[in-house]
Amino acid sequence: MKSALGLLLAFAIGVACRVFGIPSPAPPVVIGAFLAMAMTIGYVLVDRCMADAARHALNCAGPTGLSRSEVKSNPVDR
């Protein structure tokens, strides 16, 4: 959904720039367009990969600084 909205916004900005005679914010050469496309694809791929839950979340320390296993085995009154 985000990708579709991004493409729609990009086309809308392009049309508005063309209609009103504003210089387009897009790169004027093909290699620059490929660079922008590669950056966008990279961003989308990393966004999808990073959306997964952490594999070792159970071992992460909480607000007390103790991991979940330490809290269960050695409760500390604070």
C-alpha atoms as a PDB file:
ATOM      1  CA  MET A   1       0.000   0.000   0.000  1.00  0.00           C
ATOM      2  CA  LYS A   2       2.859   2.388   0.856  1.00  0.00           C
ATOM      3  CA  SER A   3       4.534   1.690  -2.485  1.00  0.00           C
ATOM      4  CA  ALA A   4       1.337   2.420  -4.419  1.00  0.00           C
ATOM      5  CA  LEU A   5       0.835   5.689  -2.528  1.00  0.00           C
ATOM      6  CA  GLY A   6       4.469   6.620  -3.168  1.00  0.00           C
ATOM      7  CA  LEU A   7       4.100   6.028  -6.905  1.00  0.00           C
ATOM      8  CA  LEU A   8       0.839   7.992  -6.999  1.00  0.00           C
ATOM      9  CA  LEU A   9       2.482  10.898  -5.166  1.00  0.00           C
ATOM     10  CA  ALA A  10       5.508  10.785  -7.486  1.00  0.00           C
ATOM     11  CA  PHE A  11       3.303  10.954 -10.586  1.00  0.00           C
ATOM     12  CA  ALA A  12       1.212  13.740  -9.059  1.00  0.00           C
ATOM     13  CA  ILE A  13       4.330  15.797  -8.328  1.00  0.00           C
ATOM     14  CA  GLY A  14       5.620  15.145 -11.858  1.00  0.00           C
ATOM     15  CA  VAL A  15       2.348  16.251 -13.437  1.00  0.00           C
ATOM     16  CA  ALA A  16       2.166  19.362 -11.237  1.00  0.00           C
ATOM     17  CA  CYS A  17       5.745  20.307 -12.152  1.00  0.00           C
ATOM     18  CA  ARG A  18       4.973  19.869 -15.860  1.00  0.00           C
ATOM     19  CA  VAL A  19       1.697  21.818 -15.757  1.00  0.00           C
ATOM     20  CA  PHE A  20       3.055  24.766 -13.766  1.00  0.00           C
ATOM     21  CA  GLY A  21       6.477  24.848 -15.471  1.00  0.00           C
ATOM     22  CA  ILE A  22       8.405  24.132 -12.265  1.00  0.00           C
ATOM     23  CA  PRO A  23      11.730  22.327 -12.715  1.00  0.00           C
ATOM     24  CA  SER A  24      11.257  18.675 -11.866  1.00  0.00           C
ATOM     25  CA  PRO A  25      12.986  17.426  -8.694  1.00  0.00           C
ATOM     26  CA  ALA A  26      13.845  14.181 -10.520  1.00  0.00           C
ATOM     27  CA  PRO A  27      17.330  13.577 -11.942  1.00  0.00           C
ATOM     28  CA  PRO A  28      17.553  14.605 -15.635  1.00  0.00           C
ATOM     29  CA  VAL A  29      19.611  11.633 -16.858  1.00  0.00           C
ATOM     30  CA  VAL A  30      18.862   7.922 -17.008  1.00  0.00           C
ATOM     31  CA  ILE A  31      21.672   6.913 -14.637  1.00  0.00           C
ATOM     32  CA  GLY A  32      20.278   9.267 -11.999  1.00  0.00           C
ATOM     33  CA  ALA A  33      16.813   7.777 -12.444  1.00  0.00           C
ATOM     34  CA  PHE A  34      18.281   4.293 -12.004  1.00  0.00           C
ATOM     35  CA  LEU A  35      20.040   5.468  -8.854  1.00  0.00           C
ATOM     36  CA  ALA A  36      16.777   6.815  -7.421  1.00  0.00           C
ATOM     37  CA  MET A  37      15.009   3.573  -8.342  1.00  0.00           C
ATOM     38  CA  ALA A  38      17.749   1.450  -6.736  1.00  0.00           C
ATOM     39  CA  MET A  39      17.584   3.512  -3.546  1.00  0.00           C
ATOM     40  CA  THR A  40      13.802   3.118  -3.420  1.00  0.00           C
ATOM     41  CA  ILE A  41      13.949  -0.640  -3.986  1.00  0.00           C
ATOM     42  CA  GLY A  42      16.663  -0.945  -1.334  1.00  0.00           C
ATOM     43  CA  TYR A  43      14.571   1.026   1.140  1.00  0.00           C
ATOM     44  CA  VAL A  44      11.510  -1.155   0.512  1.00  0.00           C
ATOM     45  CA  LEU A  45      13.492  -4.402   0.843  1.00  0.00           C
ATOM     46  CA  VAL A  46      15.179  -3.340   4.083  1.00  0.00           C
ATOM     47  CA  ASP A  47      11.827  -2.141   5.447  1.00  0.00           C
ATOM     48  CA  ARG A  48      10.334  -5.591   4.809  1.00  0.00           C
ATOM     49  CA  CYS A  49      13.324  -7.433   6.296  1.00  0.00           C
ATOM     50  CA  MET A  50      13.509  -5.256   9.402  1.00  0.00           C
ATOM     51  CA  ALA A  51       9.772  -5.599  10.101  1.00  0.00           C
ATOM     52  CA  ASP A  52      10.334  -9.138  11.426  1.00  0.00           C
ATOM     53  CA  ALA A  53      10.494  -9.644  15.185  1.00  0.00           C
ATOM     54  CA  ALA A  54      13.908  -9.946  16.810  1.00  0.00           C
ATOM     55  CA  ARG A  55      15.138 -13.530  17.048  1.00  0.00           C
ATOM     56  CA  HIS A  56      16.637 -13.109  20.511  1.00  0.00           C
ATOM     57  CA  ALA A  57      13.996 -10.880  22.082  1.00  0.00           C
ATOM     58  CA  LEU A  58      13.748 -13.182  25.120  1.00  0.00           C
ATOM     59  CA  ASN A  59      17.382 -12.438  26.006  1.00  0.00           C
ATOM     60  CA  CYS A  60      17.032  -8.659  25.787  1.00  0.00           C
ATOM     61  CA  ALA A  61      17.156  -6.647  28.990  1.00  0.00           C
ATOM     62  CA  GLY A  62      14.052  -4.809  30.113  1.00  0.00           C
ATOM     63  CA  PRO A  63      13.657  -1.560  32.083  1.00  0.00           C
ATOM     64  CA  THR A  64      15.477  -3.080  35.092  1.00  0.00           C
ATOM     65  CA  GLY A  65      18.509  -4.091  33.018  1.00  0.00           C
ATOM     66  CA  LEU A  66      17.959  -7.782  33.768  1.00  0.00           C
ATOM     67  CA  SER A  67      17.064 -10.316  31.111  1.00  0.00           C
ATOM     68  CA  ARG A  68      13.854 -12.297  31.413  1.00  0.00           C
ATOM     69  CA  SER A  69      15.736 -15.431  32.526  1.00  0.00           C
ATOM     70  CA  GLU A  70      17.506 -13.510  35.305  1.00  0.00           C
ATOM     71  CA  VAL A  71      14.255 -12.052  36.587  1.00  0.00           C
ATOM     72  CA  LYS A  72      12.580 -15.466  36.792  1.00  0.00           C
ATOM     73  CA  SER A  73      15.491 -17.190  38.502  1.00  0.00           C
ATOM     74  CA  ASN A  74      16.600 -14.323  40.743  1.00  0.00           C
ATOM     75  CA  PRO A  75      13.806 -11.833  41.545  1.00  0.00           C
ATOM     76  CA  VAL A  76      15.074  -8.501  42.782  1.00  0.00           C
ATOM     77  CA  ASP A  77      12.968  -6.110  44.894  1.00  0.00           C
ATOM     78  CA  ARG A  78      13.484  -2.576  43.697  1.00  0.00           C
END
